[in-house]
Amino acid sequence: MVVAAWNVPPERPEVRIEIDAEGSIRSVSALRWRGERGYVPCGCRVLAERRFGDYVVPSRLAVGWWFGTPRYAPFFEAEILSAAT
């Protein structure tokens, strides 16, 4: 797990990146503000990766609120079909 944090006064947000043994990104998550609910875990699961030229990138993902909890339910899914530099 990689955790990156930035000082953005008055806050210090953290982004968590889960990487598997082969170096592929499996998930990315952070706490996000959700109105009256306050900060809620939000994140994405990387479902596939694909090579585009010299680069391998996450190519299919699902994003949802309450990431990492039993309440997690994706509200957005995407697939990258092409990429160019």
PDB file of N, CA and C in Angstrom:
ATOM      1  N   MET A   1       0.857  -1.179   0.000  1.00  0.00           N
ATOM      2  CA  MET A   1       0.000   0.000   0.000  1.00  0.00           C
ATOM      3  C   MET A   1       0.896   1.233   0.000  1.00  0.00           C
ATOM      4  N   VAL A   2       0.593   2.167  -0.850  1.00  0.00           N
ATOM      5  CA  VAL A   2       1.280   3.448  -0.904  1.00  0.00           C
ATOM      6  C   VAL A   2       0.295   4.501  -0.415  1.00  0.00           C
ATOM      7  N   VAL A   3       0.738   5.376   0.467  1.00  0.00           N
ATOM      8  CA  VAL A   3      -0.105   6.462   0.962  1.00  0.00           C
ATOM      9  C   VAL A   3       0.606   7.767   0.663  1.00  0.00           C
ATOM     10  N   ALA A   4      -0.087   8.650  -0.052  1.00  0.00           N
ATOM     11  CA  ALA A   4       0.458   9.971  -0.360  1.00  0.00           C
ATOM     12  C   ALA A   4      -0.424  11.018   0.298  1.00  0.00           C
ATOM     13  N   ALA A   5       0.209  12.045   0.875  1.00  0.00           N
ATOM     14  CA  ALA A   5      -0.550  13.113   1.544  1.00  0.00           C
ATOM     15  C   ALA A   5      -0.012  14.467   1.112  1.00  0.00           C
ATOM     16  N   TRP A   6      -0.907  15.447   1.066  1.00  0.00           N
ATOM     17  CA  TRP A   6      -0.557  16.810   0.700  1.00  0.00           C
ATOM     18  C   TRP A   6      -1.088  17.763   1.746  1.00  0.00           C
ATOM     19  N   ASN A   7      -0.318  18.786   2.052  1.00  0.00           N
ATOM     20  CA  ASN A   7      -0.799  19.855   2.925  1.00  0.00           C
ATOM     21  C   ASN A   7      -1.593  20.835   2.083  1.00  0.00           C
ATOM     22  N   VAL A   8      -2.885  20.861   2.314  1.00  0.00           N
ATOM     23  CA  VAL A   8      -3.794  21.798   1.660  1.00  0.00           C
ATOM     24  C   VAL A   8      -4.576  22.444   2.790  1.00  0.00           C
ATOM     25  N   PRO A   9      -3.956  23.419   3.473  1.00  0.00           N
ATOM     26  CA  PRO A   9      -4.579  23.991   4.671  1.00  0.00           C
ATOM     27  C   PRO A   9      -6.038  24.366   4.434  1.00  0.00           C
ATOM     28  N   PRO A  10      -6.901  24.037   5.361  1.00  0.00           N
ATOM     29  CA  PRO A  10      -6.625  23.516   6.691  1.00  0.00           C
ATOM     30  C   PRO A  10      -6.598  21.982   6.745  1.00  0.00           C
ATOM     31  N   GLU A  11      -6.522  21.312   5.606  1.00  0.00           N
ATOM     32  CA  GLU A  11      -6.602  19.860   5.582  1.00  0.00           C
ATOM     33  C   GLU A  11      -5.293  19.237   5.106  1.00  0.00           C
ATOM     34  N   ARG A  12      -5.226  17.916   5.235  1.00  0.00           N
ATOM     35  CA  ARG A  12      -4.090  17.135   4.749  1.00  0.00           C
ATOM     36  C   ARG A  12      -4.636  15.834   4.157  1.00  0.00           C
ATOM     37  N   PRO A  13      -5.182  15.914   2.941  1.00  0.00           N
ATOM     38  CA  PRO A  13      -5.801  14.732   2.348  1.00  0.00           C
ATOM     39  C   PRO A  13      -4.779  13.627   2.065  1.00  0.00           C
ATOM     40  N   GLU A  14      -5.234  12.378   2.204  1.00  0.00           N
ATOM     41  CA  GLU A  14      -4.412  11.212   1.910  1.00  0.00           C
ATOM     42  C   GLU A  14      -5.066  10.383   0.810  1.00  0.00           C
ATOM     43  N   VAL A  15      -4.245   9.927  -0.125  1.00  0.00           N
ATOM     44  CA  VAL A  15      -4.688   9.022  -1.176  1.00  0.00           C
ATOM     45  C   VAL A  15      -3.976   7.701  -0.950  1.00  0.00           C
ATOM     46  N   ARG A  16      -4.743   6.614  -0.945  1.00  0.00           N
ATOM     47  CA  ARG A  16      -4.185   5.271  -0.724  1.00  0.00           C
ATOM     48  C   ARG A  16      -4.230   4.505  -2.042  1.00  0.00           C
ATOM     49  N   ILE A  17      -3.085   3.932  -2.408  1.00  0.00           N
ATOM     50  CA  ILE A  17      -2.972   3.173  -3.647  1.00  0.00           C
ATOM     51  C   ILE A  17      -2.523   1.757  -3.293  1.00  0.00           C
ATOM     52  N   GLU A  18      -3.354   0.784  -3.619  1.00  0.00           N
ATOM     53  CA  GLU A  18      -3.017  -0.614  -3.373  1.00  0.00           C
ATOM     54  C   GLU A  18      -2.379  -1.180  -4.642  1.00  0.00           C
ATOM     55  N   ILE A  19      -1.196  -1.761  -4.486  1.00  0.00           N
ATOM     56  CA  ILE A  19      -0.441  -2.313  -5.609  1.00  0.00           C
ATOM     57  C   ILE A  19      -0.193  -3.792  -5.342  1.00  0.00           C
ATOM     58  N   ASP A  20      -0.396  -4.643  -6.361  1.00  0.00           N
ATOM     59  CA  ASP A  20      -0.193  -6.081  -6.159  1.00  0.00           C
ATOM     60  C   ASP A  20       1.289  -6.451  -6.320  1.00  0.00           C
ATOM     61  N   ALA A  21       1.599  -7.727  -6.152  1.00  0.00           N
ATOM     62  CA  ALA A  21       2.988  -8.199  -6.173  1.00  0.00           C
ATOM     63  C   ALA A  21       3.676  -7.976  -7.515  1.00  0.00           C
ATOM     64  N   GLU A  22       2.904  -7.866  -8.599  1.00  0.00           N
ATOM     65  CA  GLU A  22       3.478  -7.631  -9.925  1.00  0.00           C
ATOM     66  C   GLU A  22       3.606  -6.141 -10.250  1.00  0.00           C
ATOM     67  N   GLY A  23       3.178  -5.270  -9.344  1.00  0.00           N
ATOM     68  CA  GLY A  23       3.282  -3.832  -9.558  1.00  0.00           C
ATOM     69  C   GLY A  23       2.062  -3.189 -10.177  1.00  0.00           C
ATOM     70  N   SER A  24       0.981  -3.950 -10.340  1.00  0.00           N
ATOM     71  CA  SER A  24      -0.250  -3.396 -10.914  1.00  0.00           C
ATOM     72  C   SER A  24      -1.069  -2.693  -9.842  1.00  0.00           C
ATOM     73  N   ILE A  25      -1.680  -1.588 -10.214  1.00  0.00           N
ATOM     74  CA  ILE A  25      -2.576  -0.876  -9.303  1.00  0.00           C
ATOM     75  C   ILE A  25      -3.873  -1.662  -9.187  1.00  0.00           C
ATOM     76  N   ARG A  26      -4.302  -1.973  -7.970  1.00  0.00           N
ATOM     77  CA  ARG A  26      -5.539  -2.715  -7.716  1.00  0.00           C
ATOM     78  C   ARG A  26      -6.656  -1.798  -7.254  1.00  0.00           C
ATOM     79  N   SER A  27      -6.317  -0.732  -6.486  1.00  0.00           N
ATOM     80  CA  SER A  27      -7.344   0.203  -6.031  1.00  0.00           C
ATOM     81  C   SER A  27      -6.707   1.537  -5.662  1.00  0.00           C
ATOM     82  N   VAL A  28      -7.545   2.571  -5.670  1.00  0.00           N
ATOM     83  CA  VAL A  28      -7.154   3.919  -5.246  1.00  0.00           C
ATOM     84  C   VAL A  28      -8.312   4.459  -4.419  1.00  0.00           C
ATOM     85  N   SER A  29      -8.006   5.030  -3.253  1.00  0.00           N
ATOM     86  CA  SER A  29      -9.093   5.542  -2.412  1.00  0.00           C
ATOM     87  C   SER A  29      -8.654   6.762  -1.615  1.00  0.00           C
ATOM     88  N   ALA A  30      -9.646   7.523  -1.174  1.00  0.00           N
ATOM     89  CA  ALA A  30      -9.425   8.715  -0.347  1.00  0.00           C
ATOM     90  C   ALA A  30     -10.733   9.061   0.346  1.00  0.00           C
ATOM     91  N   LEU A  31     -10.650   9.827   1.421  1.00  0.00           N
ATOM     92  CA  LEU A  31     -11.856  10.370   2.048  1.00  0.00           C
ATOM     93  C   LEU A  31     -12.283  11.582   1.241  1.00  0.00           C
ATOM     94  N   ARG A  32     -13.575  11.665   0.912  1.00  0.00           N
ATOM     95  CA  ARG A  32     -14.106  12.807   0.161  1.00  0.00           C
ATOM     96  C   ARG A  32     -15.283  13.393   0.903  1.00  0.00           C
ATOM     97  N   TRP A  33     -15.439  14.691   0.783  1.00  0.00           N
ATOM     98  CA  TRP A  33     -16.542  15.395   1.433  1.00  0.00           C
ATOM     99  C   TRP A  33     -17.832  15.063   0.712  1.00  0.00           C
ATOM    100  N   ARG A  34     -18.871  14.720   1.473  1.00  0.00           N
ATOM    101  CA  ARG A  34     -20.171  14.390   0.881  1.00  0.00           C
ATOM    102  C   ARG A  34     -21.287  15.094   1.639  1.00  0.00           C
ATOM    103  N   GLY A  35     -21.217  16.414   1.651  1.00  0.00           N
ATOM    104  CA  GLY A  35     -22.271  17.221   2.262  1.00  0.00           C
ATOM    105  C   GLY A  35     -22.497  16.914   3.719  1.00  0.00           C
ATOM    106  N   GLU A  36     -23.772  16.722   4.093  1.00  0.00           N
ATOM    107  CA  GLU A  36     -24.119  16.514   5.498  1.00  0.00           C
ATOM    108  C   GLU A  36     -23.548  15.215   6.072  1.00  0.00           C
ATOM    109  N   ARG A  37     -23.091  14.315   5.221  1.00  0.00           N
ATOM    110  CA  ARG A  37     -22.485  13.063   5.706  1.00  0.00           C
ATOM    111  C   ARG A  37     -21.035  13.265   6.146  1.00  0.00           C
ATOM    112  N   GLY A  38     -20.474  14.411   5.778  1.00  0.00           N
ATOM    113  CA  GLY A  38     -19.070  14.663   6.112  1.00  0.00           C
ATOM    114  C   GLY A  38     -18.144  13.903   5.179  1.00  0.00           C
ATOM    115  N   TYR A  39     -16.989  13.500   5.700  1.00  0.00           N
ATOM    116  CA  TYR A  39     -16.032  12.756   4.884  1.00  0.00           C
ATOM    117  C   TYR A  39     -16.430  11.290   4.796  1.00  0.00           C
ATOM    118  N   VAL A  40     -16.421  10.779   3.576  1.00  0.00           N
ATOM    119  CA  VAL A  40     -16.834   9.406   3.293  1.00  0.00           C
ATOM    120  C   VAL A  40     -15.740   8.752   2.457  1.00  0.00           C
ATOM    121  N   PRO A  41     -15.408   7.475   2.726  1.00  0.00           N
ATOM    122  CA  PRO A  41     -14.418   6.819   1.876  1.00  0.00           C
ATOM    123  C   PRO A  41     -14.953   6.646   0.457  1.00  0.00           C
ATOM    124  N   CYS A  42     -14.167   7.068  -0.510  1.00  0.00           N
ATOM    125  CA  CYS A  42     -14.515   6.948  -1.920  1.00  0.00           C
ATOM    126  C   CYS A  42     -13.315   6.315  -2.621  1.00  0.00           C
ATOM    127  N   GLY A  43     -13.580   5.410  -3.533  1.00  0.00           N
ATOM    128  CA  GLY A  43     -12.448   4.786  -4.190  1.00  0.00           C
ATOM    129  C   GLY A  43     -12.840   4.002  -5.412  1.00  0.00           C
ATOM    130  N   CYS A  44     -11.809   3.512  -6.084  1.00  0.00           N
ATOM    131  CA  CYS A  44     -12.055   2.712  -7.278  1.00  0.00           C
ATOM    132  C   CYS A  44     -11.289   1.408  -7.206  1.00  0.00           C
ATOM    133  N   ARG A  45     -11.899   0.408  -7.781  1.00  0.00           N
ATOM    134  CA  ARG A  45     -11.253  -0.882  -7.982  1.00  0.00           C
ATOM    135  C   ARG A  45     -10.809  -0.930  -9.442  1.00  0.00           C
ATOM    136  N   VAL A  46      -9.562  -1.305  -9.654  1.00  0.00           N
ATOM    137  CA  VAL A  46      -9.061  -1.475 -11.013  1.00  0.00           C
ATOM    138  C   VAL A  46      -9.353  -2.913 -11.410  1.00  0.00           C
ATOM    139  N   LEU A  47     -10.182  -3.079 -12.435  1.00  0.00           N
ATOM    140  CA  LEU A  47     -10.637  -4.400 -12.847  1.00  0.00           C
ATOM    141  C   LEU A  47      -9.805  -4.986 -13.973  1.00  0.00           C
ATOM    142  N   ALA A  48      -9.073  -4.139 -14.695  1.00  0.00           N
ATOM    143  CA  ALA A  48      -8.219  -4.612 -15.788  1.00  0.00           C
ATOM    144  C   ALA A  48      -7.199  -3.536 -16.110  1.00  0.00           C
ATOM    145  N   GLU A  49      -6.114  -3.951 -16.727  1.00  0.00           N
ATOM    146  CA  GLU A  49      -5.146  -3.003 -17.248  1.00  0.00           C
ATOM    147  C   GLU A  49      -4.817  -3.409 -18.675  1.00  0.00           C
ATOM    148  N   ARG A  50      -4.281  -2.438 -19.430  1.00  0.00           N
ATOM    149  CA  ARG A  50      -4.041  -2.669 -20.848  1.00  0.00           C
ATOM    150  C   ARG A  50      -2.819  -1.882 -21.289  1.00  0.00           C
ATOM    151  N   ARG A  51      -2.103  -2.455 -22.251  1.00  0.00           N
ATOM    152  CA  ARG A  51      -0.926  -1.785 -22.808  1.00  0.00           C
ATOM    153  C   ARG A  51      -1.351  -0.917 -23.985  1.00  0.00           C
ATOM    154  N   PHE A  52      -0.890   0.326 -23.960  1.00  0.00           N
ATOM    155  CA  PHE A  52      -1.045   1.257 -25.067  1.00  0.00           C
ATOM    156  C   PHE A  52       0.354   1.739 -25.416  1.00  0.00           C
ATOM    157  N   GLY A  53       0.945   1.202 -26.464  1.00  0.00           N
ATOM    158  CA  GLY A  53       2.319   1.558 -26.820  1.00  0.00           C
ATOM    159  C   GLY A  53       3.276   1.129 -25.719  1.00  0.00           C
ATOM    160  N   ASP A  54       4.043   2.076 -25.200  1.00  0.00           N
ATOM    161  CA  ASP A  54       5.028   1.796 -24.155  1.00  0.00           C
ATOM    162  C   ASP A  54       4.438   1.768 -22.752  1.00  0.00           C
ATOM    163  N   TYR A  55       3.160   2.093 -22.600  1.00  0.00           N
ATOM    164  CA  TYR A  55       2.568   2.254 -21.274  1.00  0.00           C
ATOM    165  C   TYR A  55       1.498   1.219 -20.982  1.00  0.00           C
ATOM    166  N   VAL A  56       1.488   0.745 -19.745  1.00  0.00           N
ATOM    167  CA  VAL A  56       0.409  -0.109 -19.249  1.00  0.00           C
ATOM    168  C   VAL A  56      -0.369   0.729 -18.239  1.00  0.00           C
ATOM    169  N   VAL A  57      -1.669   0.846 -18.456  1.00  0.00           N
ATOM    170  CA  VAL A  57      -2.488   1.698 -17.587  1.00  0.00           C
ATOM    171  C   VAL A  57      -3.722   0.942 -17.114  1.00  0.00           C
ATOM    172  N   PRO A  58      -4.290   1.342 -15.965  1.00  0.00           N
ATOM    173  CA  PRO A  58      -5.587   0.781 -15.580  1.00  0.00           C
ATOM    174  C   PRO A  58      -6.583   1.092 -16.694  1.00  0.00           C
ATOM    175  N   SER A  59      -7.259   0.081 -17.206  1.00  0.00           N
ATOM    176  CA  SER A  59      -8.130   0.297 -18.364  1.00  0.00           C
ATOM    177  C   SER A  59      -9.609   0.049 -18.085  1.00  0.00           C
ATOM    178  N   ARG A  60      -9.915  -0.583 -16.974  1.00  0.00           N
ATOM    179  CA  ARG A  60     -11.321  -0.780 -16.603  1.00  0.00           C
ATOM    180  C   ARG A  60     -11.420  -0.610 -15.106  1.00  0.00           C
ATOM    181  N   LEU A  61     -12.342   0.254 -14.665  1.00  0.00           N
ATOM    182  CA  LEU A  61     -12.459   0.519 -13.233  1.00  0.00           C
ATOM    183  C   LEU A  61     -13.890   0.801 -12.830  1.00  0.00           C
ATOM    184  N   ALA A  62     -14.131   0.642 -11.527  1.00  0.00           N
ATOM    185  CA  ALA A  62     -15.440   0.921 -10.929  1.00  0.00           C
ATOM    186  C   ALA A  62     -15.210   1.799  -9.706  1.00  0.00           C
ATOM    187  N   VAL A  63     -15.973   2.895  -9.603  1.00  0.00           N
ATOM    188  CA  VAL A  63     -15.810   3.885  -8.534  1.00  0.00           C
ATOM    189  C   VAL A  63     -17.069   3.933  -7.685  1.00  0.00           C
ATOM    190  N   GLY A  64     -16.898   4.067  -6.360  1.00  0.00           N
ATOM    191  CA  GLY A  64     -18.069   4.156  -5.500  1.00  0.00           C
ATOM    192  C   GLY A  64     -17.778   4.779  -4.149  1.00  0.00           C
ATOM    193  N   TRP A  65     -18.851   5.253  -3.507  1.00  0.00           N
ATOM    194  CA  TRP A  65     -18.789   5.761  -2.138  1.00  0.00           C
ATOM    195  C   TRP A  65     -18.673   4.591  -1.181  1.00  0.00           C
ATOM    196  N   TRP A  66     -18.250   4.858   0.032  1.00  0.00           N
ATOM    197  CA  TRP A  66     -18.120   3.886   1.112  1.00  0.00           C
ATOM    198  C   TRP A  66     -17.143   2.770   0.749  1.00  0.00           C
ATOM    199  N   PHE A  67     -16.091   3.150   0.015  1.00  0.00           N
ATOM    200  CA  PHE A  67     -15.084   2.182  -0.426  1.00  0.00           C
ATOM    201  C   PHE A  67     -14.459   1.467   0.767  1.00  0.00           C
ATOM    202  N   GLY A  68     -14.282   0.154   0.643  1.00  0.00           N
ATOM    203  CA  GLY A  68     -13.675  -0.630   1.705  1.00  0.00           C
ATOM    204  C   GLY A  68     -14.611  -0.996   2.838  1.00  0.00           C
ATOM    205  N   THR A  69     -15.901  -0.725   2.676  1.00  0.00           N
ATOM    206  CA  THR A  69     -16.897  -1.064   3.695  1.00  0.00           C
ATOM    207  C   THR A  69     -17.980  -1.933   3.056  1.00  0.00           C
ATOM    208  N   PRO A  70     -18.819  -2.562   3.866  1.00  0.00           N
ATOM    209  CA  PRO A  70     -19.929  -3.351   3.304  1.00  0.00           C
ATOM    210  C   PRO A  70     -20.933  -2.496   2.513  1.00  0.00           C
ATOM    211  N   ARG A  71     -20.931  -1.176   2.729  1.00  0.00           N
ATOM    212  CA  ARG A  71     -21.865  -0.286   2.016  1.00  0.00           C
ATOM    213  C   ARG A  71     -21.395   0.073   0.609  1.00  0.00           C
ATOM    214  N   TYR A  72     -20.163  -0.300   0.249  1.00  0.00           N
ATOM    215  CA  TYR A  72     -19.602   0.069  -1.057  1.00  0.00           C
ATOM    216  C   TYR A  72     -20.497  -0.429  -2.190  1.00  0.00           C
ATOM    217  N   ALA A  73     -20.844   0.475  -3.085  1.00  0.00           N
ATOM    218  CA  ALA A  73     -21.606   0.135  -4.286  1.00  0.00           C
ATOM    219  C   ALA A  73     -21.142   1.078  -5.390  1.00  0.00           C
ATOM    220  N   PRO A  74     -20.570   0.564  -6.466  1.00  0.00           N
ATOM    221  CA  PRO A  74     -20.099   1.441  -7.537  1.00  0.00           C
ATOM    222  C   PRO A  74     -21.226   2.269  -8.148  1.00  0.00           C
ATOM    223  N   PHE A  75     -20.921   3.541  -8.412  1.00  0.00           N
ATOM    224  CA  PHE A  75     -21.879   4.410  -9.105  1.00  0.00           C
ATOM    225  C   PHE A  75     -21.362   4.809 -10.480  1.00  0.00           C
ATOM    226  N   PHE A  76     -20.103   4.442 -10.783  1.00  0.00           N
ATOM    227  CA  PHE A  76     -19.494   4.816 -12.057  1.00  0.00           C
ATOM    228  C   PHE A  76     -18.559   3.700 -12.493  1.00  0.00           C
ATOM    229  N   GLU A  77     -18.661   3.293 -13.754  1.00  0.00           N
ATOM    230  CA  GLU A  77     -17.736   2.326 -14.333  1.00  0.00           C
ATOM    231  C   GLU A  77     -17.217   2.890 -15.646  1.00  0.00           C
ATOM    232  N   ALA A  78     -15.949   2.598 -15.948  1.00  0.00           N
ATOM    233  CA  ALA A  78     -15.348   3.116 -17.169  1.00  0.00           C
ATOM    234  C   ALA A  78     -14.389   2.095 -17.753  1.00  0.00           C
ATOM    235  N   GLU A  79     -14.221   2.170 -19.066  1.00  0.00           N
ATOM    236  CA  GLU A  79     -13.231   1.354 -19.763  1.00  0.00           C
ATOM    237  C   GLU A  79     -12.489   2.242 -20.753  1.00  0.00           C
ATOM    238  N   ILE A  80     -11.180   2.216 -20.686  1.00  0.00           N
ATOM    239  CA  ILE A  80     -10.343   2.971 -21.612  1.00  0.00           C
ATOM    240  C   ILE A  80     -10.072   2.080 -22.810  1.00  0.00           C
ATOM    241  N   LEU A  81     -10.464   2.548 -23.987  1.00  0.00           N
ATOM    242  CA  LEU A  81     -10.327   1.763 -25.206  1.00  0.00           C
ATOM    243  C   LEU A  81      -9.112   2.160 -26.033  1.00  0.00           C
ATOM    244  N   SER A  82      -8.660   3.410 -25.868  1.00  0.00           N
ATOM    245  CA  SER A  82      -7.465   3.842 -26.589  1.00  0.00           C
ATOM    246  C   SER A  82      -6.810   4.969 -25.806  1.00  0.00           C
ATOM    247  N   ALA A  83      -5.524   5.133 -26.060  1.00  0.00           N
ATOM    248  CA  ALA A  83      -4.763   6.206 -25.406  1.00  0.00           C
ATOM    249  C   ALA A  83      -3.617   6.611 -26.334  1.00  0.00           C
ATOM    250  N   ALA A  84      -3.259   7.867 -26.301  1.00  0.00           N
ATOM    251  CA  ALA A  84      -2.157   8.373 -27.117  1.00  0.00           C
ATOM    252  C   ALA A  84      -1.322   9.349 -26.306  1.00  0.00           C
ATOM    253  N   THR A  85      -0.045   9.435 -26.634  1.00  0.00           N
ATOM    254  CA  THR A  85       0.837  10.382 -25.954  1.00  0.00           C
ATOM    255  C   THR A  85       1.075  11.601 -26.804  1.00  0.00           C
TER     256      THR A  85
END
